[in-house]
Amino acid sequence: MHLGVMLSTLLLCLATVAGPALALPAPMSEQELMEKSDVVALIRVLSVTCTSVVKDTQTGEELPGYLATLRVLEVKKGEVKQGEEILVTWRAIPKAILGPWTVYYYPGEEVVTHLTKRSGGVSYASTWWNAKGDDVKAPESRDLPTTPGETFVAPQEPVRRMPL
């Protein structure tokens, strides 16, 4: 009986310690995202390329790495200009992990996002897991490439013609 009480206490302690460690961190406020971001902009995702696939050591799952080309449609903060193309990188996470730890970008999507410049590089990363707002224009598909070197390109936008 005494052993049962000790085991119950131990399990309760482990659950209390492990729970917060596995919990998703709090989202950043809009103000915090703005302060910590190098670029805040409305963007259109032009393309997404699978750059690598790495096997996760804990789950054995094959996890792709991605490079997206984004066109800046409107600048809210940062040293980028409207019409400029910027690069964003991210890596997929195991499916069993709880929460939206990784921010994904999908070809054709238009969305306001918060980005930080990668140190020593030319690309950006999402500032935090809630760095991307709601879609201004949803993508036609949320499929992404899974083979290194494979690229999914956004559908062409219709050309806006002025009447004569």
Protein backbone atom coordinates (compact mmCIF):
# COMPACT_ATOMS: atom_id res chain seq x y z
CA MET A 1 0.00 0.00 0.00
CA HIS A 2 2.81 2.37 0.92
CA LEU A 3 4.49 1.62 -2.45
CA GLY A 4 1.27 2.57 -4.30
CA VAL A 5 1.16 5.98 -2.60
CA MET A 6 4.82 6.62 -3.46
CA LEU A 7 4.29 5.65 -7.12
CA SER A 8 1.20 7.85 -7.36
CA THR A 9 3.10 10.78 -5.90
CA LEU A 10 6.01 10.21 -8.29
CA LEU A 11 3.69 10.06 -11.32
CA LEU A 12 1.91 13.23 -10.21
CA CYS A 13 5.25 15.03 -9.85
CA LEU A 14 6.39 13.87 -13.30
CA ALA A 15 3.12 14.98 -14.89
CA THR A 16 3.43 18.39 -13.25
CA VAL A 17 7.02 18.88 -14.41
CA ALA A 18 6.63 17.39 -17.91
CA GLY A 19 3.31 19.13 -18.69
CA PRO A 20 4.63 22.70 -18.83
CA ALA A 21 7.80 21.59 -20.65
CA LEU A 22 5.70 20.12 -23.48
CA ALA A 23 3.14 22.92 -23.56
CA LEU A 24 3.08 25.40 -26.40
CA PRO A 25 4.60 28.73 -25.30
CA ALA A 26 2.26 31.70 -25.14
CA PRO A 27 1.68 33.60 -28.38
CA MET A 28 3.39 36.97 -28.72
CA SER A 29 1.17 40.03 -28.66
CA GLU A 30 0.91 42.10 -31.84
CA GLN A 31 3.10 44.76 -30.17
CA GLU A 32 5.71 42.18 -29.17
CA LEU A 33 5.75 40.67 -32.67
CA MET A 34 6.18 44.14 -34.18
CA GLU A 35 9.07 44.99 -31.81
CA LYS A 36 10.93 41.69 -32.33
CA SER A 37 10.50 41.50 -36.11
CA ASP A 38 12.90 42.90 -38.69
CA VAL A 39 10.18 42.84 -41.36
CA VAL A 40 6.40 43.05 -41.08
CA ALA A 41 4.69 42.94 -44.45
CA LEU A 42 1.78 41.78 -46.52
CA ILE A 43 3.33 39.15 -48.78
CA ARG A 44 2.38 36.80 -51.62
CA VAL A 45 4.05 33.39 -51.64
CA LEU A 46 5.44 32.88 -55.14
CA SER A 47 7.00 29.46 -54.64
CA VAL A 48 8.08 26.88 -52.07
CA THR A 49 11.02 24.53 -52.61
CA CYS A 50 11.89 21.45 -50.56
CA THR A 51 15.60 21.95 -49.82
CA SER A 52 16.32 18.84 -47.74
CA VAL A 53 14.78 15.91 -45.92
CA VAL A 54 16.23 14.88 -42.55
CA LYS A 55 15.20 11.91 -40.44
CA ASP A 56 14.10 12.96 -36.93
CA THR A 57 16.23 11.13 -34.37
CA GLN A 58 13.36 10.61 -31.91
CA THR A 59 10.46 9.70 -34.21
CA GLY A 60 12.25 8.44 -37.31
CA GLU A 61 9.96 10.67 -39.36
CA GLU A 62 11.32 12.21 -42.57
CA LEU A 63 11.14 16.01 -42.09
CA PRO A 64 11.46 18.36 -45.07
CA GLY A 65 13.20 21.73 -44.96
CA TYR A 66 11.73 24.52 -47.07
CA LEU A 67 12.69 27.73 -48.84
CA ALA A 68 9.88 30.06 -49.92
CA THR A 69 10.12 33.04 -52.23
CA LEU A 70 7.81 35.84 -51.07
CA ARG A 71 6.87 39.03 -52.92
CA VAL A 72 6.38 42.03 -50.67
CA LEU A 73 3.01 43.63 -51.44
CA GLU A 74 2.93 46.18 -48.63
CA VAL A 75 5.56 47.09 -46.02
CA LYS A 76 4.56 47.81 -42.43
CA LYS A 77 8.09 47.64 -40.97
CA GLY A 78 11.57 46.91 -42.24
CA GLU A 79 14.23 47.54 -44.85
CA VAL A 80 12.35 45.88 -47.70
CA LYS A 81 10.50 47.55 -50.54
CA GLN A 82 7.16 46.89 -52.17
CA GLY A 83 7.66 44.48 -55.08
CA GLU A 84 10.90 43.07 -53.66
CA GLU A 85 11.31 39.30 -53.35
CA ILE A 86 12.60 37.85 -50.08
CA LEU A 87 13.43 34.31 -48.95
CA VAL A 88 12.02 32.53 -45.89
CA THR A 89 13.20 29.18 -44.56
CA TRP A 90 11.66 26.70 -42.13
CA ARG A 91 11.70 23.01 -41.24
CA ALA A 92 8.75 20.69 -40.72
CA ILE A 93 8.27 19.21 -37.25
CA PRO A 94 7.13 15.69 -36.28
CA LYS A 95 3.38 15.19 -36.60
CA ALA A 96 3.11 13.96 -33.00
CA ILE A 97 4.30 17.29 -31.58
CA LEU A 98 1.44 19.31 -30.14
CA GLY A 99 0.91 22.84 -31.30
CA PRO A 100 1.76 24.99 -34.34
CA TRP A 101 5.51 25.31 -33.63
CA THR A 102 6.39 25.87 -37.28
CA VAL A 103 4.93 28.53 -39.55
CA TYR A 104 4.23 27.19 -43.05
CA TYR A 105 3.89 29.25 -46.23
CA TYR A 106 1.87 28.00 -49.21
CA PRO A 107 2.16 29.03 -52.89
CA GLY A 108 -0.42 31.66 -53.84
CA GLU A 109 -1.16 32.64 -50.25
CA GLU A 110 -1.35 36.34 -49.38
CA VAL A 111 -0.89 37.12 -45.71
CA VAL A 112 0.63 39.58 -43.25
CA THR A 113 3.69 38.03 -41.63
CA HIS A 114 6.38 38.95 -39.10
CA LEU A 115 9.94 37.93 -39.98
CA THR A 116 13.42 38.05 -38.46
CA LYS A 117 16.60 38.14 -40.54
CA ARG A 118 18.73 35.04 -40.10
CA SER A 119 22.14 35.98 -38.71
CA GLY A 120 24.84 36.07 -41.36
CA GLY A 121 22.42 35.10 -44.09
CA VAL A 122 20.15 36.46 -46.75
CA SER A 123 16.97 34.69 -45.68
CA TYR A 124 14.35 35.28 -43.02
CA ALA A 125 12.50 33.12 -40.51
CA SER A 126 9.14 33.61 -38.83
CA THR A 127 9.48 35.63 -35.64
CA TRP A 128 7.33 33.26 -33.55
CA TRP A 129 4.76 30.50 -34.02
CA ASN A 130 1.94 33.05 -34.30
CA ALA A 131 3.90 35.35 -36.65
CA LYS A 132 1.53 34.85 -39.56
CA GLY A 133 -1.89 36.48 -39.60
CA ASP A 134 -5.08 35.25 -41.22
CA ASP A 135 -4.96 34.80 -44.97
CA VAL A 136 -5.85 37.86 -47.01
CA LYS A 137 -6.04 35.44 -49.92
CA ALA A 138 -6.06 31.73 -49.16
CA PRO A 139 -3.89 29.39 -51.24
CA GLU A 140 -5.58 27.02 -53.68
CA SER A 141 -3.79 24.13 -51.95
CA ARG A 142 -1.90 23.51 -48.73
CA ASP A 143 0.23 20.81 -50.34
CA LEU A 144 4.00 21.28 -50.16
CA PRO A 145 6.85 19.56 -51.99
CA THR A 146 8.45 16.59 -50.21
CA THR A 147 11.44 15.75 -52.43
CA PRO A 148 14.63 17.86 -52.29
CA GLY A 149 14.79 20.14 -55.33
CA GLU A 150 11.03 19.93 -55.95
CA THR A 151 9.27 23.33 -56.20
CA PHE A 152 5.59 24.23 -56.06
CA VAL A 153 4.81 27.53 -57.79
CA ALA A 154 1.85 29.81 -57.14
CA PRO A 155 -0.80 30.05 -59.83
CA GLN A 156 -0.35 33.05 -62.09
CA GLU A 157 -2.34 36.09 -61.12
CA PRO A 158 -4.63 37.37 -63.87
CA VAL A 159 -3.24 40.41 -65.65
CA ARG A 160 -5.27 43.50 -64.78
CA ARG A 161 -6.00 45.39 -67.97
CA MET A 162 -7.16 48.95 -68.15
CA PRO A 163 -10.07 49.63 -70.52
CA LEU A 164 -9.22 51.67 -73.61
